[in-house]
């Protein structure tokens, strides 16, 4: 049975920033592709939360959305908490600073 997905405020904000960037700099096709891929990955996370690699922080996993975007999420007993979307070109040491 799939677990409930809950978005943190940070996940909502970072997701929207990616959409806005794609809308301003790329075509509608790329925007649609990103949204579809993100939705597919989130569906897989809900079905099998441990499917994606675990980060160095307890209960936090990283799912690759595109080669430039990771989705960080936390596995909770009754739900999955989407923490943030992360640009893989940023300093990886700062990746989990805000998502404690």
C-alpha atoms as a PDB file:
ATOM      1  CA  UNK A   1       0.000   0.000   0.000  1.00  0.00           C
ATOM      2  CA  UNK A   2       1.310   3.429  -0.938  1.00  0.00           C
ATOM      3  CA  UNK A   3       2.291   5.827   1.806  1.00  0.00           C
ATOM      4  CA  UNK A   4       0.872   9.326   1.987  1.00  0.00           C
ATOM      5  CA  UNK A   5       3.080  12.045   0.495  1.00  0.00           C
ATOM      6  CA  UNK A   6       3.415  15.325   2.402  1.00  0.00           C
ATOM      7  CA  UNK A   7       5.188  18.335   0.920  1.00  0.00           C
ATOM      8  CA  UNK A   8       7.162  20.667   3.176  1.00  0.00           C
ATOM      9  CA  UNK A   9       7.023  24.369   2.436  1.00  0.00           C
ATOM     10  CA  UNK A  10      10.624  24.211   1.247  1.00  0.00           C
ATOM     11  CA  UNK A  11       9.789  21.402  -1.195  1.00  0.00           C
ATOM     12  CA  UNK A  12       6.892  23.430  -2.603  1.00  0.00           C
ATOM     13  CA  UNK A  13       9.066  26.540  -2.983  1.00  0.00           C
ATOM     14  CA  UNK A  14      12.025  24.779  -4.595  1.00  0.00           C
ATOM     15  CA  UNK A  15       9.728  22.824  -6.944  1.00  0.00           C
ATOM     16  CA  UNK A  16       8.060  26.062  -8.051  1.00  0.00           C
ATOM     17  CA  UNK A  17      11.450  27.734  -8.568  1.00  0.00           C
ATOM     18  CA  UNK A  18      12.429  24.942 -10.962  1.00  0.00           C
ATOM     19  CA  UNK A  19       9.132  25.273 -12.853  1.00  0.00           C
ATOM     20  CA  UNK A  20       9.549  29.060 -13.091  1.00  0.00           C
ATOM     21  CA  UNK A  21      13.129  28.712 -14.322  1.00  0.00           C
ATOM     22  CA  UNK A  22      12.074  26.195 -16.981  1.00  0.00           C
ATOM     23  CA  UNK A  23       9.149  28.385 -18.090  1.00  0.00           C
ATOM     24  CA  UNK A  24      11.436  31.409 -18.462  1.00  0.00           C
ATOM     25  CA  UNK A  25      14.354  29.661 -20.177  1.00  0.00           C
ATOM     26  CA  UNK A  26      13.071  26.536 -21.879  1.00  0.00           C
ATOM     27  CA  UNK A  27      10.073  25.312 -23.858  1.00  0.00           C
ATOM     28  CA  UNK A  28       6.739  24.024 -22.632  1.00  0.00           C
ATOM     29  CA  UNK A  29       7.929  20.536 -23.564  1.00  0.00           C
ATOM     30  CA  UNK A  30      10.778  20.688 -21.030  1.00  0.00           C
ATOM     31  CA  UNK A  31       8.417  22.020 -18.349  1.00  0.00           C
ATOM     32  CA  UNK A  32       5.995  19.184 -19.044  1.00  0.00           C
ATOM     33  CA  UNK A  33       8.792  16.604 -19.056  1.00  0.00           C
ATOM     34  CA  UNK A  34      10.068  17.799 -15.685  1.00  0.00           C
ATOM     35  CA  UNK A  35       6.598  17.748 -14.116  1.00  0.00           C
ATOM     36  CA  UNK A  36       5.852  14.278 -15.494  1.00  0.00           C
ATOM     37  CA  UNK A  37       9.193  12.888 -14.353  1.00  0.00           C
ATOM     38  CA  UNK A  38       8.824  14.416 -10.884  1.00  0.00           C
ATOM     39  CA  UNK A  39       5.302  12.977 -10.563  1.00  0.00           C
ATOM     40  CA  UNK A  40       6.524   9.538 -11.628  1.00  0.00           C
ATOM     41  CA  UNK A  41       9.372   9.586  -9.114  1.00  0.00           C
ATOM     42  CA  UNK A  42       7.003  10.733  -6.337  1.00  0.00           C
ATOM     43  CA  UNK A  43       4.625   7.885  -7.245  1.00  0.00           C
ATOM     44  CA  UNK A  44       7.514   5.386  -6.981  1.00  0.00           C
ATOM     45  CA  UNK A  45       8.544   6.876  -3.636  1.00  0.00           C
ATOM     46  CA  UNK A  46       4.998   6.455  -2.297  1.00  0.00           C
ATOM     47  CA  UNK A  47       4.930   2.828  -3.464  1.00  0.00           C
ATOM     48  CA  UNK A  48       8.445   1.896  -2.326  1.00  0.00           C
ATOM     49  CA  UNK A  49      10.062   4.545  -0.091  1.00  0.00           C
ATOM     50  CA  UNK A  50      13.379   2.726   0.230  1.00  0.00           C
ATOM     51  CA  UNK A  51      13.832   2.408  -3.526  1.00  0.00           C
ATOM     52  CA  UNK A  52      16.179   5.389  -3.823  1.00  0.00           C
ATOM     53  CA  UNK A  53      19.608   5.803  -2.271  1.00  0.00           C
ATOM     54  CA  UNK A  54      19.938   6.845   1.337  1.00  0.00           C
ATOM     55  CA  UNK A  55      21.852  10.024   2.096  1.00  0.00           C
ATOM     56  CA  UNK A  56      24.345  10.300   4.917  1.00  0.00           C
ATOM     57  CA  UNK A  57      21.517  11.592   7.152  1.00  0.00           C
ATOM     58  CA  UNK A  58      19.221   9.126   8.912  1.00  0.00           C
ATOM     59  CA  UNK A  59      15.941   8.365   7.097  1.00  0.00           C
ATOM     60  CA  UNK A  60      16.661  10.822   4.279  1.00  0.00           C
ATOM     61  CA  UNK A  61      16.778   9.538   0.731  1.00  0.00           C
ATOM     62  CA  UNK A  62      17.728  11.121  -2.596  1.00  0.00           C
ATOM     63  CA  UNK A  63      15.826  10.507  -5.811  1.00  0.00           C
ATOM     64  CA  UNK A  64      17.302  11.751  -9.074  1.00  0.00           C
ATOM     65  CA  UNK A  65      14.632  13.611 -11.077  1.00  0.00           C
ATOM     66  CA  UNK A  66      16.900  14.880 -13.868  1.00  0.00           C
ATOM     67  CA  UNK A  67      20.669  15.074 -14.109  1.00  0.00           C
ATOM     68  CA  UNK A  68      20.385  18.536 -12.514  1.00  0.00           C
ATOM     69  CA  UNK A  69      17.698  17.926  -9.877  1.00  0.00           C
ATOM     70  CA  UNK A  70      17.450  15.683  -6.834  1.00  0.00           C
ATOM     71  CA  UNK A  71      14.430  15.233  -4.620  1.00  0.00           C
ATOM     72  CA  UNK A  72      15.294  14.771  -0.956  1.00  0.00           C
ATOM     73  CA  UNK A  73      12.695  13.083   1.201  1.00  0.00           C
ATOM     74  CA  UNK A  74      12.341  11.634   4.672  1.00  0.00           C
ATOM     75  CA  UNK A  75      10.744   8.303   5.451  1.00  0.00           C
ATOM     76  CA  UNK A  76       8.385   8.548   8.406  1.00  0.00           C
ATOM     77  CA  UNK A  77       6.394   5.646   9.919  1.00  0.00           C
ATOM     78  CA  UNK A  78       3.064   6.734   8.412  1.00  0.00           C
ATOM     79  CA  UNK A  79       4.023   8.995   5.515  1.00  0.00           C
ATOM     80  CA  UNK A  80       6.743  10.329   3.248  1.00  0.00           C
ATOM     81  CA  UNK A  81       7.895  13.908   3.751  1.00  0.00           C
ATOM     82  CA  UNK A  82       9.237  15.644   0.638  1.00  0.00           C
ATOM     83  CA  UNK A  83      11.945  17.971   1.949  1.00  0.00           C
ATOM     84  CA  UNK A  84      13.412  19.847  -1.002  1.00  0.00           C
ATOM     85  CA  UNK A  85      14.363  19.761  -4.649  1.00  0.00           C
ATOM     86  CA  UNK A  86      18.113  20.244  -5.008  1.00  0.00           C
ATOM     87  CA  UNK A  87      20.167  21.468  -7.942  1.00  0.00           C
ATOM     88  CA  UNK A  88      22.995  18.961  -8.297  1.00  0.00           C
ATOM     89  CA  UNK A  89      25.366  21.706  -9.450  1.00  0.00           C
ATOM     90  CA  UNK A  90      25.329  23.308  -5.986  1.00  0.00           C
ATOM     91  CA  UNK A  91      27.799  22.567  -3.197  1.00  0.00           C
ATOM     92  CA  UNK A  92      26.803  19.098  -1.928  1.00  0.00           C
ATOM     93  CA  UNK A  93      27.941  19.940   1.612  1.00  0.00           C
ATOM     94  CA  UNK A  94      25.040  22.400   1.882  1.00  0.00           C
ATOM     95  CA  UNK A  95      22.449  19.957   0.551  1.00  0.00           C
ATOM     96  CA  UNK A  96      21.019  18.864   3.887  1.00  0.00           C
ATOM     97  CA  UNK A  97      21.772  21.887   6.049  1.00  0.00           C
ATOM     98  CA  UNK A  98      18.159  23.090   6.044  1.00  0.00           C
ATOM     99  CA  UNK A  99      16.526  19.631   5.961  1.00  0.00           C
ATOM    100  CA  UNK A 100      17.213  18.390   9.485  1.00  0.00           C
END
